[in-house]
PDB file of N, CA and C in Angstrom:
ATOM      1  N   MET A   1       0.844  -1.182   0.000  1.00  0.00           N
ATOM      2  CA  MET A   1       0.000   0.000   0.000  1.00  0.00           C
ATOM      3  C   MET A   1       0.885   1.240   0.000  1.00  0.00           C
ATOM      4  N   ALA A   2       0.658   2.114  -0.954  1.00  0.00           N
ATOM      5  CA  ALA A   2       1.436   3.351  -1.045  1.00  0.00           C
ATOM      6  C   ALA A   2       0.831   4.407  -0.133  1.00  0.00           C
ATOM      7  N   PHE A   3       1.695   5.115   0.549  1.00  0.00           N
ATOM      8  CA  PHE A   3       1.218   6.217   1.380  1.00  0.00           C
ATOM      9  C   PHE A   3       0.988   7.430   0.497  1.00  0.00           C
ATOM     10  N   THR A   4      -0.107   8.116   0.745  1.00  0.00           N
ATOM     11  CA  THR A   4      -0.407   9.298  -0.059  1.00  0.00           C
ATOM     12  C   THR A   4      -0.531  10.520   0.832  1.00  0.00           C
ATOM     13  N   TRP A   5      -0.296  11.648   0.226  1.00  0.00           N
ATOM     14  CA  TRP A   5      -0.517  12.943   0.861  1.00  0.00           C
ATOM     15  C   TRP A   5      -1.678  13.588   0.157  1.00  0.00           C
ATOM     16  N   ASP A   6      -2.410  14.397   0.861  1.00  0.00           N
ATOM     17  CA  ASP A   6      -3.398  15.244   0.215  1.00  0.00           C
ATOM     18  C   ASP A   6      -2.681  16.488  -0.278  1.00  0.00           C
ATOM     19  N   HIS A   7      -2.808  16.753  -1.558  1.00  0.00           N
ATOM     20  CA  HIS A   7      -2.251  17.960  -2.162  1.00  0.00           C
ATOM     21  C   HIS A   7      -3.426  18.923  -2.287  1.00  0.00           C
ATOM     22  N   LYS A   8      -3.489  19.899  -1.377  1.00  0.00           N
ATOM     23  CA  LYS A   8      -4.637  20.805  -1.285  1.00  0.00           C
ATOM     24  C   LYS A   8      -4.310  22.146  -1.919  1.00  0.00           C
ATOM     25  N   TRP A   9      -5.357  22.827  -2.335  1.00  0.00           N
ATOM     26  CA  TRP A   9      -5.220  24.112  -3.007  1.00  0.00           C
ATOM     27  C   TRP A   9      -6.323  25.017  -2.494  1.00  0.00           C
ATOM     28  N   ASN A  10      -5.950  26.137  -1.883  1.00  0.00           N
ATOM     29  CA  ASN A  10      -6.906  27.129  -1.389  1.00  0.00           C
ATOM     30  C   ASN A  10      -6.697  28.435  -2.136  1.00  0.00           C
ATOM     31  N   VAL A  11      -7.784  29.068  -2.538  1.00  0.00           N
ATOM     32  CA  VAL A  11      -7.712  30.377  -3.188  1.00  0.00           C
ATOM     33  C   VAL A  11      -8.535  31.344  -2.358  1.00  0.00           C
ATOM     34  N   ASN A  12      -7.882  32.406  -1.869  1.00  0.00           N
ATOM     35  CA  ASN A  12      -8.545  33.392  -1.008  1.00  0.00           C
ATOM     36  C   ASN A  12      -9.349  32.703   0.096  1.00  0.00           C
ATOM     37  N   ASP A  13      -8.725  31.737   0.741  1.00  0.00           N
ATOM     38  CA  ASP A  13      -9.310  30.989   1.864  1.00  0.00           C
ATOM     39  C   ASP A  13     -10.492  30.103   1.486  1.00  0.00           C
ATOM     40  N   ILE A  14     -10.660  29.822   0.211  1.00  0.00           N
ATOM     41  CA  ILE A  14     -11.710  28.907  -0.245  1.00  0.00           C
ATOM     42  C   ILE A  14     -11.025  27.633  -0.734  1.00  0.00           C
ATOM     43  N   GLY A  15     -11.395  26.500  -0.163  1.00  0.00           N
ATOM     44  CA  GLY A  15     -10.820  25.228  -0.577  1.00  0.00           C
ATOM     45  C   GLY A  15     -11.206  24.908  -2.008  1.00  0.00           C
ATOM     46  N   CYS A  16     -10.203  24.660  -2.834  1.00  0.00           N
ATOM     47  CA  CYS A  16     -10.443  24.386  -4.254  1.00  0.00           C
ATOM     48  C   CYS A  16     -10.075  22.965  -4.622  1.00  0.00           C
ATOM     49  N   GLY A  17     -10.117  22.098  -3.669  1.00  0.00           N
ATOM     50  CA  GLY A  17      -9.914  20.693  -3.969  1.00  0.00           C
ATOM     51  C   GLY A  17      -8.654  20.125  -3.365  1.00  0.00           C
ATOM     52  N   ARG A  18      -8.694  18.826  -3.223  1.00  0.00           N
ATOM     53  CA  ARG A  18      -7.526  18.095  -2.752  1.00  0.00           C
ATOM     54  C   ARG A  18      -7.418  16.838  -3.589  1.00  0.00           C
ATOM     55  N   VAL A  19      -6.197  16.439  -3.797  1.00  0.00           N
ATOM     56  CA  VAL A  19      -5.921  15.270  -4.610  1.00  0.00           C
ATOM     57  C   VAL A  19      -4.960  14.389  -3.830  1.00  0.00           C
ATOM     58  N   ALA A  20      -5.269  13.111  -3.748  1.00  0.00           N
ATOM     59  CA  ALA A  20      -4.350  12.171  -3.105  1.00  0.00           C
ATOM     60  C   ALA A  20      -3.202  11.894  -4.066  1.00  0.00           C
ATOM     61  N   VAL A  21      -1.997  12.145  -3.593  1.00  0.00           N
ATOM     62  CA  VAL A  21      -0.798  11.987  -4.414  1.00  0.00           C
ATOM     63  C   VAL A  21       0.186  11.118  -3.637  1.00  0.00           C
ATOM     64  N   PRO A  22       0.853  10.177  -4.312  1.00  0.00           N
ATOM     65  CA  PRO A  22       1.856   9.384  -3.602  1.00  0.00           C
ATOM     66  C   PRO A  22       2.853  10.293  -2.876  1.00  0.00           C
ATOM     67  N   ARG A  23       3.061  10.003  -1.624  1.00  0.00           N
ATOM     68  CA  ARG A  23       3.916  10.827  -0.763  1.00  0.00           C
ATOM     69  C   ARG A  23       5.284  11.079  -1.391  1.00  0.00           C
ATOM     70  N   GLN A  24       5.857  10.057  -1.996  1.00  0.00           N
ATOM     71  CA  GLN A  24       7.185  10.175  -2.592  1.00  0.00           C
ATOM     72  C   GLN A  24       7.220  11.189  -3.732  1.00  0.00           C
ATOM     73  N   ASP A  25       6.071  11.455  -4.338  1.00  0.00           N
ATOM     74  CA  ASP A  25       6.017  12.416  -5.440  1.00  0.00           C
ATOM     75  C   ASP A  25       6.098  13.858  -4.962  1.00  0.00           C
ATOM     76  N   LEU A  26       5.760  14.106  -3.703  1.00  0.00           N
ATOM     77  CA  LEU A  26       5.697  15.485  -3.210  1.00  0.00           C
ATOM     78  C   LEU A  26       6.733  15.838  -2.156  1.00  0.00           C
ATOM     79  N   GLU A  27       7.080  14.900  -1.296  1.00  0.00           N
ATOM     80  CA  GLU A  27       7.825  15.256  -0.093  1.00  0.00           C
ATOM     81  C   GLU A  27       9.190  15.883  -0.356  1.00  0.00           C
ATOM     82  N   HIS A  28       9.792  15.605  -1.477  1.00  0.00           N
ATOM     83  CA  HIS A  28      11.124  16.136  -1.765  1.00  0.00           C
ATOM     84  C   HIS A  28      11.094  17.439  -2.571  1.00  0.00           C
ATOM     85  N   LEU A  29       9.914  17.876  -2.987  1.00  0.00           N
ATOM     86  CA  LEU A  29       9.817  19.037  -3.870  1.00  0.00           C
ATOM     87  C   LEU A  29       9.969  20.356  -3.118  1.00  0.00           C
ATOM     88  N   SER A  30      10.648  21.291  -3.759  1.00  0.00           N
ATOM     89  CA  SER A  30      10.742  22.651  -3.226  1.00  0.00           C
ATOM     90  C   SER A  30       9.399  23.346  -3.440  1.00  0.00           C
ATOM     91  N   MET A  31       9.231  24.489  -2.817  1.00  0.00           N
ATOM     92  CA  MET A  31       8.000  25.273  -2.984  1.00  0.00           C
ATOM     93  C   MET A  31       7.760  25.574  -4.462  1.00  0.00           C
ATOM     94  N   GLU A  32       8.805  25.985  -5.161  1.00  0.00           N
ATOM     95  CA  GLU A  32       8.674  26.309  -6.583  1.00  0.00           C
ATOM     96  C   GLU A  32       8.191  25.103  -7.388  1.00  0.00           C
ATOM     97  N   LYS A  33       8.750  23.936  -7.100  1.00  0.00           N
ATOM     98  CA  LYS A  33       8.356  22.712  -7.818  1.00  0.00           C
ATOM     99  C   LYS A  33       6.929  22.288  -7.461  1.00  0.00           C
ATOM    100  N   LEU A  34       6.527  22.484  -6.202  1.00  0.00           N
ATOM    101  CA  LEU A  34       5.144  22.182  -5.816  1.00  0.00           C
ATOM    102  C   LEU A  34       4.164  23.044  -6.602  1.00  0.00           C
ATOM    103  N   ILE A  35       4.487  24.319  -6.728  1.00  0.00           N
ATOM    104  CA  ILE A  35       3.621  25.235  -7.477  1.00  0.00           C
ATOM    105  C   ILE A  35       3.569  24.825  -8.941  1.00  0.00           C
ATOM    106  N   GLN A  36       4.721  24.511  -9.520  1.00  0.00           N
ATOM    107  CA  GLN A  36       4.752  24.069 -10.918  1.00  0.00           C
ATOM    108  C   GLN A  36       3.910  22.815 -11.110  1.00  0.00           C
ATOM    109  N   ARG A  37       4.032  21.880 -10.182  1.00  0.00           N
ATOM    110  CA  ARG A  37       3.259  20.641 -10.289  1.00  0.00           C
ATOM    111  C   ARG A  37       1.764  20.927 -10.196  1.00  0.00           C
ATOM    112  N   ALA A  38       1.365  21.765  -9.237  1.00  0.00           N
ATOM    113  CA  ALA A  38      -0.053  22.108  -9.092  1.00  0.00           C
ATOM    114  C   ALA A  38      -0.581  22.744 -10.367  1.00  0.00           C
ATOM    115  N   ARG A  39       0.214  23.631 -10.954  1.00  0.00           N
ATOM    116  CA  ARG A  39      -0.214  24.327 -12.177  1.00  0.00           C
ATOM    117  C   ARG A  39      -0.309  23.394 -13.375  1.00  0.00           C
ATOM    118  N   SER A  40       0.531  22.374 -13.416  1.00  0.00           N
ATOM    119  CA  SER A  40       0.550  21.502 -14.591  1.00  0.00           C
ATOM    120  C   SER A  40      -0.226  20.204 -14.407  1.00  0.00           C
ATOM    121  N   GLN A  41      -0.555  19.856 -13.153  1.00  0.00           N
ATOM    122  CA  GLN A  41      -1.210  18.577 -12.922  1.00  0.00           C
ATOM    123  C   GLN A  41      -2.470  18.713 -12.072  1.00  0.00           C
ATOM    124  N   GLU A  42      -2.324  18.523 -10.775  1.00  0.00           N
ATOM    125  CA  GLU A  42      -3.484  18.353  -9.902  1.00  0.00           C
ATOM    126  C   GLU A  42      -4.484  19.503  -9.917  1.00  0.00           C
ATOM    127  N   HIS A  43      -4.022  20.730 -10.009  1.00  0.00           N
ATOM    128  CA  HIS A  43      -4.934  21.870  -9.883  1.00  0.00           C
ATOM    129  C   HIS A  43      -4.945  22.749 -11.135  1.00  0.00           C
ATOM    130  N   ARG A  44      -4.545  22.166 -12.240  1.00  0.00           N
ATOM    131  CA  ARG A  44      -4.455  22.893 -13.508  1.00  0.00           C
ATOM    132  C   ARG A  44      -5.786  23.510 -13.912  1.00  0.00           C
ATOM    133  N   ASP A  45      -6.866  22.753 -13.799  1.00  0.00           N
ATOM    134  CA  ASP A  45      -8.155  23.250 -14.277  1.00  0.00           C
ATOM    135  C   ASP A  45      -8.641  24.468 -13.488  1.00  0.00           C
ATOM    136  N   VAL A  46      -8.391  24.506 -12.180  1.00  0.00           N
ATOM    137  CA  VAL A  46      -8.784  25.678 -11.384  1.00  0.00           C
ATOM    138  C   VAL A  46      -7.983  26.894 -11.835  1.00  0.00           C
ATOM    139  N   LEU A  47      -6.686  26.711 -12.003  1.00  0.00           N
ATOM    140  CA  LEU A  47      -5.842  27.831 -12.421  1.00  0.00           C
ATOM    141  C   LEU A  47      -6.198  28.335 -13.811  1.00  0.00           C
ATOM    142  N   GLU A  48      -6.536  27.418 -14.706  1.00  0.00           N
ATOM    143  CA  GLU A  48      -6.949  27.838 -16.047  1.00  0.00           C
ATOM    144  C   GLU A  48      -8.201  28.699 -15.980  1.00  0.00           C
ATOM    145  N   ARG A  49      -9.164  28.294 -15.161  1.00  0.00           N
ATOM    146  CA  ARG A  49     -10.404  29.077 -15.024  1.00  0.00           C
ATOM    147  C   ARG A  49     -10.143  30.442 -14.396  1.00  0.00           C
ATOM    148  N   LEU A  50      -9.257  30.490 -13.404  1.00  0.00           N
ATOM    149  CA  LEU A  50      -8.913  31.776 -12.793  1.00  0.00           C
ATOM    150  C   LEU A  50      -8.278  32.703 -13.831  1.00  0.00           C
ATOM    151  N   SER A  51      -7.407  32.143 -14.664  1.00  0.00           N
ATOM    152  CA  SER A  51      -6.767  32.938 -15.716  1.00  0.00           C
ATOM    153  C   SER A  51      -7.781  33.433 -16.736  1.00  0.00           C
ATOM    154  N   GLU A  52      -8.726  32.563 -17.104  1.00  0.00           N
ATOM    155  CA  GLU A  52      -9.771  32.960 -18.053  1.00  0.00           C
ATOM    156  C   GLU A  52     -10.562  34.154 -17.533  1.00  0.00           C
ATOM    157  N   LYS A  53     -10.723  34.240 -16.219  1.00  0.00           N
ATOM    158  CA  LYS A  53     -11.474  35.342 -15.600  1.00  0.00           C
ATOM    159  C   LYS A  53     -10.564  36.531 -15.277  1.00  0.00           C
ATOM    160  N   ASN A  54      -9.316  36.457 -15.752  1.00  0.00           N
ATOM    161  CA  ASN A  54      -8.322  37.522 -15.558  1.00  0.00           C
ATOM    162  C   ASN A  54      -7.961  37.780 -14.101  1.00  0.00           C
ATOM    163  N   PHE A  55      -8.064  36.762 -13.254  1.00  0.00           N
ATOM    164  CA  PHE A  55      -7.589  36.886 -11.884  1.00  0.00           C
ATOM    165  C   PHE A  55      -6.075  36.719 -11.898  1.00  0.00           C
ATOM    166  N   LYS A  56      -5.406  37.489 -11.077  1.00  0.00           N
ATOM    167  CA  LYS A  56      -3.954  37.422 -11.003  1.00  0.00           C
ATOM    168  C   LYS A  56      -3.536  36.985  -9.598  1.00  0.00           C
ATOM    169  N   VAL A  57      -2.566  36.084  -9.557  1.00  0.00           N
ATOM    170  CA  VAL A  57      -2.061  35.577  -8.287  1.00  0.00           C
ATOM    171  C   VAL A  57      -1.156  36.635  -7.655  1.00  0.00           C
ATOM    172  N   LYS A  58      -1.458  36.981  -6.414  1.00  0.00           N
ATOM    173  CA  LYS A  58      -0.635  37.928  -5.660  1.00  0.00           C
ATOM    174  C   LYS A  58       0.478  37.188  -4.921  1.00  0.00           C
ATOM    175  N   SER A  59       0.116  36.086  -4.274  1.00  0.00           N
ATOM    176  CA  SER A  59       1.120  35.313  -3.535  1.00  0.00           C
ATOM    177  C   SER A  59       0.658  33.874  -3.365  1.00  0.00           C
ATOM    178  N   ILE A  60       1.642  33.019  -3.121  1.00  0.00           N
ATOM    179  CA  ILE A  60       1.369  31.614  -2.814  1.00  0.00           C
ATOM    180  C   ILE A  60       2.259  31.238  -1.637  1.00  0.00           C
ATOM    181  N   THR A  61       1.638  30.705  -0.607  1.00  0.00           N
ATOM    182  CA  THR A  61       2.381  30.191   0.542  1.00  0.00           C
ATOM    183  C   THR A  61       2.004  28.725   0.716  1.00  0.00           C
ATOM    184  N   SER A  62       2.764  28.040   1.523  1.00  0.00           N
ATOM    185  CA  SER A  62       2.439  26.630   1.751  1.00  0.00           C
ATOM    186  C   SER A  62       2.395  26.344   3.240  1.00  0.00           C
ATOM    187  N   SER A  63       1.631  25.329   3.556  1.00  0.00           N
ATOM    188  CA  SER A  63       1.617  24.783   4.906  1.00  0.00           C
ATOM    189  C   SER A  63       1.547  23.275   4.745  1.00  0.00           C
ATOM    190  N   ALA A  64       2.058  22.575   5.726  1.00  0.00           N
ATOM    191  CA  ALA A  64       2.077  21.117   5.611  1.00  0.00           C
ATOM    192  C   ALA A  64       2.028  20.485   6.987  1.00  0.00           C
ATOM    193  N   ARG A  65       1.510  19.305   6.996  1.00  0.00           N
ATOM    194  CA  ARG A  65       1.607  18.443   8.169  1.00  0.00           C
ATOM    195  C   ARG A  65       2.363  17.227   7.666  1.00  0.00           C
ATOM    196  N   GLU A  66       3.611  17.149   8.053  1.00  0.00           N
ATOM    197  CA  GLU A  66       4.495  16.138   7.500  1.00  0.00           C
ATOM    198  C   GLU A  66       3.868  14.751   7.568  1.00  0.00           C
ATOM    199  N   GLY A  67       3.875  14.101   6.425  1.00  0.00           N
ATOM    200  CA  GLY A  67       3.317  12.765   6.326  1.00  0.00           C
ATOM    201  C   GLY A  67       1.838  12.725   6.004  1.00  0.00           C
ATOM    202  N   PHE A  68       1.166  13.883   6.019  1.00  0.00           N
ATOM    203  CA  PHE A  68      -0.276  13.896   5.802  1.00  0.00           C
ATOM    204  C   PHE A  68      -0.725  14.766   4.630  1.00  0.00           C
ATOM    205  N   HIS A  69      -0.291  16.024   4.614  1.00  0.00           N
ATOM    206  CA  HIS A  69      -0.764  16.887   3.537  1.00  0.00           C
ATOM    207  C   HIS A  69       0.186  18.043   3.308  1.00  0.00           C
ATOM    208  N   VAL A  70       0.070  18.608   2.138  1.00  0.00           N
ATOM    209  CA  VAL A  70       0.700  19.885   1.819  1.00  0.00           C
ATOM    210  C   VAL A  70      -0.401  20.741   1.208  1.00  0.00           C
ATOM    211  N   THR A  71      -0.491  21.974   1.664  1.00  0.00           N
ATOM    212  CA  THR A  71      -1.519  22.887   1.180  1.00  0.00           C
ATOM    213  C   THR A  71      -0.850  24.110   0.588  1.00  0.00           C
ATOM    214  N   LEU A  72      -1.241  24.459  -0.617  1.00  0.00           N
ATOM    215  CA  LEU A  72      -0.786  25.700  -1.229  1.00  0.00           C
ATOM    216  C   LEU A  72      -1.912  26.715  -1.078  1.00  0.00           C
ATOM    217  N   ASN A  73      -1.590  27.837  -0.452  1.00  0.00           N
ATOM    218  CA  ASN A  73      -2.564  28.896  -0.196  1.00  0.00           C
ATOM    219  C   ASN A  73      -2.312  30.042  -1.167  1.00  0.00           C
ATOM    220  N   VAL A  74      -3.274  30.285  -2.025  1.00  0.00           N
ATOM    221  CA  VAL A  74      -3.149  31.291  -3.075  1.00  0.00           C
ATOM    222  C   VAL A  74      -3.953  32.523  -2.685  1.00  0.00           C
ATOM    223  N   THR A  75      -3.331  33.691  -2.823  1.00  0.00           N
ATOM    224  CA  THR A  75      -4.029  34.954  -2.615  1.00  0.00           C
ATOM    225  C   THR A  75      -4.066  35.674  -3.954  1.00  0.00           C
ATOM    226  N   LEU A  76      -5.254  36.099  -4.346  1.00  0.00           N
ATOM    227  CA  LEU A  76      -5.418  36.810  -5.610  1.00  0.00           C
ATOM    228  C   LEU A  76      -5.315  38.312  -5.390  1.00  0.00           C
ATOM    229  N   GLU A  77      -4.914  39.024  -6.437  1.00  0.00           N
ATOM    230  CA  GLU A  77      -4.822  40.480  -6.375  1.00  0.00           C
ATOM    231  C   GLU A  77      -6.211  41.097  -6.400  1.00  0.00           C
ATOM    232  N   GLY A  78      -6.353  42.222  -5.725  1.00  0.00           N
ATOM    233  CA  GLY A  78      -7.592  42.986  -5.781  1.00  0.00           C
ATOM    234  C   GLY A  78      -8.725  42.359  -4.994  1.00  0.00           C
ATOM    235  N   GLU A  79      -9.884  42.980  -5.142  1.00  0.00           N
ATOM    236  CA  GLU A  79     -11.102  42.495  -4.494  1.00  0.00           C
ATOM    237  C   GLU A  79     -11.726  41.413  -5.369  1.00  0.00           C
ATOM    238  N   VAL A  80     -11.881  40.247  -4.815  1.00  0.00           N
ATOM    239  CA  VAL A  80     -12.465  39.124  -5.550  1.00  0.00           C
ATOM    240  C   VAL A  80     -13.686  38.652  -4.781  1.00  0.00           C
ATOM    241  N   ASP A  81     -14.811  38.632  -5.466  1.00  0.00           N
ATOM    242  CA  ASP A  81     -16.047  38.149  -4.860  1.00  0.00           C
ATOM    243  C   ASP A  81     -15.929  36.634  -4.674  1.00  0.00           C
ATOM    244  N   PRO A  82     -16.058  36.137  -3.453  1.00  0.00           N
ATOM    245  CA  PRO A  82     -15.958  34.691  -3.214  1.00  0.00           C
ATOM    246  C   PRO A  82     -16.942  33.886  -4.057  1.00  0.00           C
ATOM    247  N   ARG A  83     -18.055  34.500  -4.434  1.00  0.00           N
ATOM    248  CA  ARG A  83     -19.034  33.784  -5.268  1.00  0.00           C
ATOM    249  C   ARG A  83     -18.458  33.462  -6.640  1.00  0.00           C
ATOM    250  N   GLU A  84     -17.530  34.287  -7.124  1.00  0.00           N
ATOM    251  CA  GLU A  84     -16.908  33.994  -8.415  1.00  0.00           C
ATOM    252  C   GLU A  84     -16.040  32.742  -8.327  1.00  0.00           C
ATOM    253  N   ILE A  85     -15.313  32.610  -7.239  1.00  0.00           N
ATOM    254  CA  ILE A  85     -14.498  31.406  -7.048  1.00  0.00           C
ATOM    255  C   ILE A  85     -15.406  30.194  -6.867  1.00  0.00           C
ATOM    256  N   SER A  86     -16.456  30.350  -6.092  1.00  0.00           N
ATOM    257  CA  SER A  86     -17.416  29.251  -5.893  1.00  0.00           C
ATOM    258  C   SER A  86     -18.047  28.828  -7.211  1.00  0.00           C
ATOM    259  N   GLN A  87     -18.338  29.782  -8.075  1.00  0.00           N
ATOM    260  CA  GLN A  87     -18.932  29.455  -9.377  1.00  0.00           C
ATOM    261  C   GLN A  87     -17.964  28.644 -10.228  1.00  0.00           C
ATOM    262  N   ILE A  88     -16.696  29.003 -10.190  1.00  0.00           N
ATOM    263  CA  ILE A  88     -15.685  28.229 -10.918  1.00  0.00           C
ATOM    264  C   ILE A  88     -15.682  26.788 -10.410  1.00  0.00           C
ATOM    265  N   LEU A  89     -15.708  26.619  -9.095  1.00  0.00           N
ATOM    266  CA  LEU A  89     -15.707  25.272  -8.513  1.00  0.00           C
ATOM    267  C   LEU A  89     -16.968  24.503  -8.879  1.00  0.00           C
ATOM    268  N   ASN A  90     -18.109  25.177  -8.871  1.00  0.00           N
ATOM    269  CA  ASN A  90     -19.363  24.527  -9.272  1.00  0.00           C
ATOM    270  C   ASN A  90     -19.302  24.082 -10.723  1.00  0.00           C
ATOM    271  N   ASP A  91     -18.749  24.935 -11.576  1.00  0.00           N
ATOM    272  CA  ASP A  91     -18.633  24.595 -12.996  1.00  0.00           C
ATOM    273  C   ASP A  91     -17.737  23.376 -13.211  1.00  0.00           C
ATOM    274  N   LEU A  92     -16.709  23.252 -12.392  1.00  0.00           N
ATOM    275  CA  LEU A  92     -15.758  22.145 -12.543  1.00  0.00           C
ATOM    276  C   LEU A  92     -16.203  20.860 -11.849  1.00  0.00           C
ATOM    277  N   SER A  93     -17.147  20.948 -10.930  1.00  0.00           N
ATOM    278  CA  SER A  93     -17.501  19.777 -10.120  1.00  0.00           C
ATOM    279  C   SER A  93     -18.016  18.605 -10.949  1.00  0.00           C
ATOM    280  N   SER A  94     -18.793  18.853 -11.987  1.00  0.00           N
ATOM    281  CA  SER A  94     -19.294  17.738 -12.800  1.00  0.00           C
ATOM    282  C   SER A  94     -18.142  17.045 -13.528  1.00  0.00           C
ATOM    283  N   LYS A  95     -17.173  17.821 -13.980  1.00  0.00           N
ATOM    284  CA  LYS A  95     -15.999  17.241 -14.633  1.00  0.00           C
ATOM    285  C   LYS A  95     -15.234  16.367 -13.643  1.00  0.00           C
ATOM    286  N   TRP A  96     -15.043  16.875 -12.428  1.00  0.00           N
ATOM    287  CA  TRP A  96     -14.304  16.127 -11.415  1.00  0.00           C
ATOM    288  C   TRP A  96     -15.032  14.845 -11.031  1.00  0.00           C
ATOM    289  N   LYS A  97     -16.360  14.907 -10.909  1.00  0.00           N
ATOM    290  CA  LYS A  97     -17.136  13.712 -10.559  1.00  0.00           C
ATOM    291  C   LYS A  97     -17.017  12.657 -11.647  1.00  0.00           C
ATOM    292  N   ALA A  98     -17.095  13.085 -12.901  1.00  0.00           N
ATOM    293  CA  ALA A  98     -16.979  12.147 -14.014  1.00  0.00           C
ATOM    294  C   ALA A  98     -15.596  11.497 -14.030  1.00  0.00           C
ATOM    295  N   MET A  99     -14.562  12.278 -13.780  1.00  0.00           N
ATOM    296  CA  MET A  99     -13.205  11.731 -13.750  1.00  0.00           C
ATOM    297  C   MET A  99     -13.043  10.743 -12.604  1.00  0.00           C
ATOM    298  N   SER A 100     -13.643  11.037 -11.470  1.00  0.00           N
ATOM    299  CA  SER A 100     -13.562  10.156 -10.310  1.00  0.00           C
ATOM    300  C   SER A 100     -14.250   8.826 -10.590  1.00  0.00           C
ATOM    301  N   LYS A 101     -15.429   8.882 -11.202  1.00  0.00           N
ATOM    302  CA  LYS A 101     -16.149   7.647 -11.548  1.00  0.00           C
ATOM    303  C   LYS A 101     -15.347   6.814 -12.531  1.00  0.00           C
ATOM    304  N   LYS A 102     -14.764   7.474 -13.519  1.00  0.00           N
ATOM    305  CA  LYS A 102     -13.973   6.770 -14.524  1.00  0.00           C
ATOM    306  C   LYS A 102     -12.776   6.079 -13.869  1.00  0.00           C
ATOM    307  N   ARG A 103     -12.105   6.776 -12.956  1.00  0.00           N
ATOM    308  CA  ARG A 103     -10.947   6.217 -12.264  1.00  0.00           C
ATOM    309  C   ARG A 103     -11.365   5.020 -11.404  1.00  0.00           C
ATOM    310  N   LYS A 104     -12.499   5.138 -10.712  1.00  0.00           N
ATOM    311  CA  LYS A 104     -12.968   4.041  -9.861  1.00  0.00           C
ATOM    312  C   LYS A 104     -13.325   2.813 -10.693  1.00  0.00           C
ATOM    313  N   ARG A 105     -13.935   3.032 -11.854  1.00  0.00           N
ATOM    314  CA  ARG A 105     -14.261   1.899 -12.739  1.00  0.00           C
ATOM    315  C   ARG A 105     -12.991   1.202 -13.207  1.00  0.00           C
ATOM    316  N   ALA A 106     -11.990   1.995 -13.563  1.00  0.00           N
ATOM    317  CA  ALA A 106     -10.727   1.419 -14.025  1.00  0.00           C
ATOM    318  C   ALA A 106     -10.055   0.626 -12.908  1.00  0.00           C
ATOM    319  N   GLU A 107     -10.106   1.142 -11.679  1.00  0.00           N
ATOM    320  CA  GLU A 107      -9.523   0.429 -10.541  1.00  0.00           C
ATOM    321  C   GLU A 107     -10.277  -0.864 -10.260  1.00  0.00           C
ATOM    322  N   ALA A 108     -11.592  -0.852 -10.430  1.00  0.00           N
ATOM    323  CA  ALA A 108     -12.400  -2.049 -10.183  1.00  0.00           C
ATOM    324  C   ALA A 108     -12.081  -3.144 -11.196  1.00  0.00           C
ATOM    325  N   LYS A 109     -11.777  -2.749 -12.428  1.00  0.00           N
ATOM    326  CA  LYS A 109     -11.445  -3.723 -13.468  1.00  0.00           C
ATOM    327  C   LYS A 109     -10.062  -4.326 -13.257  1.00  0.00           C
ATOM    328  N   ALA A 110      -9.188  -3.585 -12.620  1.00  0.00           N
ATOM    329  CA  ALA A 110      -7.788  -4.037 -12.449  1.00  0.00           C
ATOM    330  C   ALA A 110      -7.648  -5.108 -11.407  1.00  0.00           C
TER     331      ALA A 110
END
């Protein structure tokens, strides 16, 4: 059994999802590499939607509980209505559910 970490992503204090990732894939990464990975893999779709809405990242910090999770906390520039972030998450939720079902079916067949 592989140990996994939750790779979490928060934008303006709103949780934007967590993905279970093999611990070995994350624990050795620098902050810069964690951000690159989030942008290209686990949290790419959220970032793409934020960019489409012309939101700009002001800062990214991280917090972690060793062996359990790493969280990237994103702060956007300017005044951002939390409902806009929630709408992005609502729009993506059906895609995420479909991907989860597909993954579970594939695991059941294996």
